[in-house]
Every structure is written in C-alpha cells, then in structure tokens.
N, C-alpha and C. Protein backbone atom coordinates (compact mmCIF):
# COMPACT_ATOMS: atom_id res chain seq x y z
N GLY A 1 0.89 -1.34 -0.01
CA GLY A 1 -0.03 0.00 0.05
C GLY A 1 0.94 1.11 -0.09
N LEU A 2 0.17 2.26 0.15
CA LEU A 2 0.78 3.63 0.25
C LEU A 2 1.37 3.95 1.54
N VAL A 3 2.72 4.42 1.42
CA VAL A 3 3.60 4.62 2.60
C VAL A 3 3.72 6.23 2.59
N PRO A 4 3.05 6.75 3.75
CA PRO A 4 3.23 8.30 3.71
C PRO A 4 4.74 8.84 3.72
N CYS A 5 5.11 9.89 3.29
CA CYS A 5 6.45 10.45 3.25
C CYS A 5 6.72 10.78 4.91
N VAL A 6 7.76 10.52 5.42
CA VAL A 6 8.13 10.92 6.69
C VAL A 6 8.49 12.39 6.62
N LYS A 7 9.28 12.77 5.81
CA LYS A 7 9.64 14.21 5.72
C LYS A 7 8.68 14.96 4.61
N LYS A 8 8.19 16.13 4.71
CA LYS A 8 7.42 16.73 3.84
C LYS A 8 7.96 17.08 2.58
N ARG A 9 7.44 16.68 1.49
CA ARG A 9 8.10 17.01 0.08
C ARG A 9 6.82 17.71 -0.60
N ALA A 10 7.05 18.76 -1.25
CA ALA A 10 5.95 19.43 -1.94
C ALA A 10 5.67 18.57 -3.24
N GLY A 11 4.49 18.27 -3.40
CA GLY A 11 3.92 17.44 -4.55
C GLY A 11 4.28 16.00 -4.51
N ILE A 12 4.63 15.43 -3.28
CA ILE A 12 4.79 13.99 -3.18
C ILE A 12 4.20 13.75 -1.78
N ASP A 13 3.24 12.79 -1.64
CA ASP A 13 2.71 12.51 -0.47
C ASP A 13 3.06 11.08 0.11
N GLY A 14 3.66 10.31 -0.76
CA GLY A 14 3.99 8.97 -0.14
C GLY A 14 4.80 8.23 -1.23
N THR A 15 5.01 6.80 -1.06
CA THR A 15 5.61 5.94 -2.16
C THR A 15 4.77 4.76 -2.12
N VAL A 16 4.74 4.01 -3.15
CA VAL A 16 4.26 2.70 -3.31
C VAL A 16 5.55 2.06 -3.98
N GLY A 17 6.03 1.07 -3.11
CA GLY A 17 7.42 0.46 -3.60
C GLY A 17 8.40 1.58 -3.85
N GLN A 18 8.96 1.68 -5.16
CA GLN A 18 9.89 2.62 -5.28
C GLN A 18 9.24 3.83 -6.06
N LYS A 19 7.93 3.89 -6.21
CA LYS A 19 7.33 4.98 -6.97
C LYS A 19 6.66 6.01 -5.98
N THR A 20 7.20 7.14 -6.40
CA THR A 20 6.60 8.51 -5.44
C THR A 20 5.08 8.64 -6.04
N VAL A 21 4.20 9.12 -5.05
CA VAL A 21 2.93 9.27 -5.33
C VAL A 21 2.37 10.51 -4.83
N GLN A 22 1.57 11.14 -5.50
CA GLN A 22 0.73 12.34 -5.03
C GLN A 22 -0.72 11.98 -4.94
N VAL A 23 -1.28 12.28 -3.86
CA VAL A 23 -2.72 11.94 -3.68
C VAL A 23 -3.56 13.38 -3.66
N LYS A 24 -4.78 13.36 -4.39
CA LYS A 24 -5.65 14.56 -4.44
C LYS A 24 -6.95 14.09 -4.17
N ALA A 25 -7.82 15.04 -3.47
CA ALA A 25 -9.22 14.73 -3.44
C ALA A 25 -9.93 16.04 -3.56
N SER A 26 -11.12 15.80 -4.11
CA SER A 26 -11.92 16.91 -4.23
C SER A 26 -13.53 16.47 -4.17
N ALA A 27 -14.22 17.45 -3.58
CA ALA A 27 -15.55 17.23 -3.49
C ALA A 27 -16.48 18.10 -4.62
N SER A 28 -15.73 18.66 -5.57
CA SER A 28 -16.43 19.49 -6.58
C SER A 28 -16.16 18.95 -8.04
N LYS A 29 -16.98 19.38 -9.00
CA LYS A 29 -16.79 19.07 -10.39
C LYS A 29 -15.53 19.64 -10.91
N ARG A 30 -15.03 20.68 -10.21
CA ARG A 30 -13.95 21.25 -10.61
C ARG A 30 -12.55 20.43 -10.75
N GLY A 31 -12.65 19.38 -10.05
CA GLY A 31 -11.66 18.35 -10.10
C GLY A 31 -10.58 18.76 -9.11
N ALA A 32 -9.26 18.41 -9.48
CA ALA A 32 -8.18 18.70 -8.59
C ALA A 32 -7.42 19.89 -8.91
N ALA A 33 -6.78 20.56 -7.83
CA ALA A 33 -6.10 21.75 -8.22
C ALA A 33 -4.48 21.23 -8.17
N PHE A 34 -3.70 21.89 -8.96
CA PHE A 34 -2.26 21.39 -8.89
C PHE A 34 -1.52 22.86 -9.03
N ARG A 35 -0.17 22.74 -8.51
CA ARG A 35 0.89 23.75 -8.74
C ARG A 35 1.99 22.96 -9.16
N TRP A 36 2.76 23.62 -10.23
CA TRP A 36 3.98 22.89 -10.80
C TRP A 36 5.14 22.98 -9.62
N VAL A 37 5.65 22.02 -9.34
CA VAL A 37 6.70 22.13 -8.41
C VAL A 37 8.09 21.47 -9.04
N ASP A 38 9.13 21.82 -8.22
CA ASP A 38 10.49 21.11 -8.88
C ASP A 38 10.40 19.62 -8.91
N GLU A 39 9.78 19.01 -8.16
CA GLU A 39 10.07 17.47 -8.05
C GLU A 39 8.43 16.93 -8.14
N ASN A 40 7.88 16.58 -9.40
CA ASN A 40 6.53 15.92 -9.36
C ASN A 40 6.53 14.48 -9.12
N ALA A 41 5.52 13.96 -8.59
CA ALA A 41 5.52 12.45 -8.18
C ALA A 41 5.44 11.88 -9.64
N GLU A 42 5.69 10.63 -9.42
CA GLU A 42 5.76 9.72 -10.65
C GLU A 42 4.21 9.23 -10.85
N HIS A 43 3.40 9.04 -9.93
CA HIS A 43 2.16 8.61 -9.75
C HIS A 43 1.14 9.41 -9.22
N LEU A 44 0.07 9.41 -9.76
CA LEU A 44 -1.11 10.33 -9.07
C LEU A 44 -2.37 9.53 -8.90
N LEU A 45 -2.88 9.72 -7.69
CA LEU A 45 -4.24 9.20 -7.30
C LEU A 45 -5.13 10.32 -7.06
N VAL A 46 -6.44 10.51 -7.80
CA VAL A 46 -7.37 11.40 -7.39
C VAL A 46 -8.60 10.89 -6.97
N PHE A 47 -9.04 11.14 -5.90
CA PHE A 47 -10.43 10.84 -5.36
C PHE A 47 -11.45 11.78 -5.48
N CYS A 48 -12.57 11.44 -5.61
CA CYS A 48 -13.79 12.34 -5.76
C CYS A 48 -14.55 11.87 -4.51
N ILE A 49 -14.83 13.09 -3.57
CA ILE A 49 -15.52 12.79 -2.29
C ILE A 49 -16.91 13.14 -2.37
N ASP A 50 -17.76 12.27 -1.91
CA ASP A 50 -19.15 12.46 -1.92
C ASP A 50 -19.57 12.68 -0.51
N PRO A 51 -19.84 13.96 0.13
CA PRO A 51 -19.97 14.30 1.34
C PRO A 51 -21.41 13.72 1.93
N ASN A 52 -22.40 13.68 0.93
CA ASN A 52 -23.64 13.19 1.26
C ASN A 52 -23.65 11.61 1.69
N SER A 53 -22.79 10.93 0.98
CA SER A 53 -22.66 9.48 1.37
C SER A 53 -21.50 9.03 2.19
N ASN A 54 -20.66 9.99 2.41
CA ASN A 54 -19.46 9.86 3.22
C ASN A 54 -18.68 8.84 2.58
N SER A 55 -18.66 8.84 1.22
CA SER A 55 -17.69 7.91 0.43
C SER A 55 -16.85 8.60 -0.62
N ALA A 56 -15.63 7.98 -1.00
CA ALA A 56 -14.93 8.42 -2.05
C ALA A 56 -14.60 7.39 -3.12
N THR A 57 -14.62 7.98 -4.40
CA THR A 57 -14.43 7.17 -5.56
C THR A 57 -13.02 7.49 -6.14
N LEU A 58 -12.21 6.56 -6.51
CA LEU A 58 -11.10 6.79 -7.31
C LEU A 58 -11.31 7.16 -8.57
N ILE A 59 -10.94 8.28 -9.23
CA ILE A 59 -11.22 8.58 -10.53
C ILE A 59 -10.03 8.62 -11.41
N PHE A 60 -8.85 8.77 -10.71
CA PHE A 60 -7.58 8.65 -11.70
C PHE A 60 -6.43 8.04 -10.81
N ASN A 61 -6.00 6.99 -11.65
CA ASN A 61 -4.87 6.12 -11.02
C ASN A 61 -3.85 5.92 -12.18
N GLY A 62 -2.80 6.74 -12.26
CA GLY A 62 -1.90 6.55 -13.41
C GLY A 62 -0.69 7.49 -13.16
N PRO A 63 0.15 7.59 -14.09
CA PRO A 63 1.25 8.44 -14.13
C PRO A 63 0.91 9.82 -14.18
N GLN A 64 1.47 10.70 -13.25
CA GLN A 64 1.21 12.11 -13.05
C GLN A 64 1.53 12.75 -14.38
N SER A 65 2.48 12.25 -15.01
CA SER A 65 2.88 12.98 -16.42
C SER A 65 1.76 12.93 -17.33
N ALA A 66 0.76 11.96 -17.19
CA ALA A 66 -0.32 11.94 -18.20
C ALA A 66 -1.21 13.10 -18.01
N VAL A 67 -1.21 13.74 -16.90
CA VAL A 67 -2.10 14.88 -16.41
C VAL A 67 -1.26 16.04 -16.60
N LEU A 68 -0.18 16.23 -16.04
CA LEU A 68 0.70 17.39 -16.03
C LEU A 68 1.91 17.16 -16.92
N LYS A 69 1.66 17.65 -18.17
CA LYS A 69 2.57 17.46 -19.20
C LYS A 69 3.81 18.45 -19.30
N GLU A 70 3.56 19.77 -18.98
CA GLU A 70 4.43 20.78 -19.04
C GLU A 70 4.27 21.78 -17.93
N PRO A 71 5.32 22.44 -17.42
CA PRO A 71 5.34 23.40 -16.51
C PRO A 71 4.15 24.49 -16.79
N PHE A 72 3.68 24.95 -15.87
CA PHE A 72 2.67 26.06 -15.97
C PHE A 72 2.64 26.96 -14.75
N PRO A 73 2.58 28.31 -14.82
CA PRO A 73 2.63 29.19 -13.71
C PRO A 73 1.41 29.08 -12.65
N GLY A 74 1.44 29.31 -11.51
CA GLY A 74 0.43 29.40 -10.46
C GLY A 74 -0.23 28.04 -10.28
N GLN A 75 -1.39 28.21 -10.19
CA GLN A 75 -2.33 26.96 -9.88
C GLN A 75 -3.18 26.60 -11.11
N LYS A 76 -3.52 25.35 -11.24
CA LYS A 76 -4.14 24.86 -12.46
C LYS A 76 -5.22 23.81 -12.00
N SER A 77 -6.45 23.88 -12.29
CA SER A 77 -7.41 22.93 -11.99
C SER A 77 -7.71 21.99 -13.19
N ILE A 78 -8.03 20.77 -12.90
CA ILE A 78 -8.08 19.77 -14.11
C ILE A 78 -9.47 19.10 -13.54
N SER A 79 -10.48 19.12 -14.49
CA SER A 79 -11.90 18.84 -14.13
C SER A 79 -11.80 17.33 -13.94
N LYS A 80 -12.90 16.87 -13.26
CA LYS A 80 -13.37 15.56 -12.92
C LYS A 80 -13.45 14.80 -14.25
N MET A 81 -14.20 15.50 -15.19
CA MET A 81 -14.23 14.72 -16.53
C MET A 81 -13.01 14.57 -17.31
N ALA A 82 -12.34 15.54 -17.17
CA ALA A 82 -10.93 15.46 -17.91
C ALA A 82 -10.07 14.45 -17.29
N LEU A 83 -9.98 14.45 -15.99
CA LEU A 83 -9.31 13.15 -15.29
C LEU A 83 -9.80 11.87 -15.61
N GLN A 84 -11.02 11.83 -15.73
CA GLN A 84 -11.70 10.44 -16.15
C GLN A 84 -11.46 10.00 -17.50
N ALA A 85 -11.40 11.06 -18.38
CA ALA A 85 -11.09 10.78 -19.78
C ALA A 85 -9.77 10.18 -19.99
N ILE A 86 -8.62 10.76 -19.26
CA ILE A 86 -7.29 10.41 -19.42
C ILE A 86 -7.17 9.12 -18.61
N ASP A 87 -7.90 8.70 -17.59
CA ASP A 87 -7.76 7.58 -16.88
C ASP A 87 -8.26 6.36 -17.86
N VAL A 88 -9.39 6.52 -18.57
CA VAL A 88 -9.88 5.51 -19.45
C VAL A 88 -8.78 5.09 -20.26
N GLY A 89 -7.96 5.82 -20.97
CA GLY A 89 -6.97 5.60 -21.94
C GLY A 89 -5.64 4.81 -21.28
N LEU A 90 -5.54 4.59 -20.17
CA LEU A 90 -4.37 4.19 -19.57
C LEU A 90 -4.48 2.55 -19.52
N LYS A 91 -3.30 2.03 -19.51
CA LYS A 91 -3.18 0.58 -19.47
C LYS A 91 -3.05 0.06 -18.24
N THR A 92 -3.33 -1.04 -17.94
CA THR A 92 -3.22 -1.73 -16.53
C THR A 92 -1.88 -1.48 -15.90
N ASP A 93 -0.79 -1.80 -16.73
CA ASP A 93 0.42 -1.63 -16.15
C ASP A 93 0.93 -0.27 -15.79
N GLN A 94 0.14 0.88 -16.27
CA GLN A 94 0.32 2.22 -15.96
C GLN A 94 -0.34 2.47 -14.63
N ARG A 95 -1.12 1.61 -13.99
CA ARG A 95 -1.84 1.86 -12.62
C ARG A 95 -1.16 1.22 -11.51
N LEU A 96 -1.39 1.74 -10.22
CA LEU A 96 -0.94 1.16 -9.17
C LEU A 96 -2.08 0.11 -8.82
N PRO A 97 -1.60 -0.99 -8.21
CA PRO A 97 -2.59 -1.92 -7.87
C PRO A 97 -3.53 -1.58 -6.59
N ILE A 98 -4.85 -1.94 -6.88
CA ILE A 98 -5.81 -1.63 -5.76
C ILE A 98 -5.61 -2.42 -4.68
N VAL A 99 -5.55 -2.02 -3.51
CA VAL A 99 -5.32 -2.85 -2.16
C VAL A 99 -6.59 -2.72 -1.41
N LYS A 100 -7.54 -3.65 -1.25
CA LYS A 100 -8.58 -3.45 -0.43
C LYS A 100 -8.33 -3.76 1.18
N ALA A 101 -8.94 -2.93 1.74
CA ALA A 101 -8.78 -3.07 3.42
C ALA A 101 -9.85 -4.12 3.82
N ASP A 102 -9.34 -4.94 4.61
CA ASP A 102 -10.31 -5.98 5.21
C ASP A 102 -11.35 -5.45 6.24
C-alpha cells in the first residue's frame, strides 16, 4: 500500500514500492488543483469525495505525467471529467494495484 512520506515534500505524499505518489481529493466537479513544483510525483491518485454518502471514488490512477505534461505558472485545476477521460485511456501496467482493506 501507500507509505506516507516521513519528511514533507512538495508534490509528493508518499511511495508505493519505489514510485513516488501524489494524492488529491475533491468534492467538486472542478476536479483537482495543482501547482507545478520542482519535483513532481511519478504517480497520481485522485479521489472524488461525496459528502452526502461519506464515500470517495478513485477517478484517476496513473502516471502524473499523463495529467501534468509541461510546467505552468500558478495553480491549475483539472476537471473531474478530464481526469476520467485520461484515466480511461491508461493501460493496466500504468496503474498502481488496488489494495482493499479487510
């Protein structure tokens, strides 16, 4: 599973094996907000939170480079619909395996 970073690193929340991972969550249709940082994670997980049902759905599980292709100034939002469209085109070997809690 995901191991949180011991030391804070901008743009990286943890690791899965040797891969760095950033985790984003949003309760809006605007999707996730990003800032370009010096060291981007290799992998990105984005969850859509539904406060009405107290649940979250994984909407993106893939390489962060598929979403953030080139540097940009300030902050950039990527919509839920755009994230899902990119996610659909990913191959199984581009995703982190899903680990279900008991």
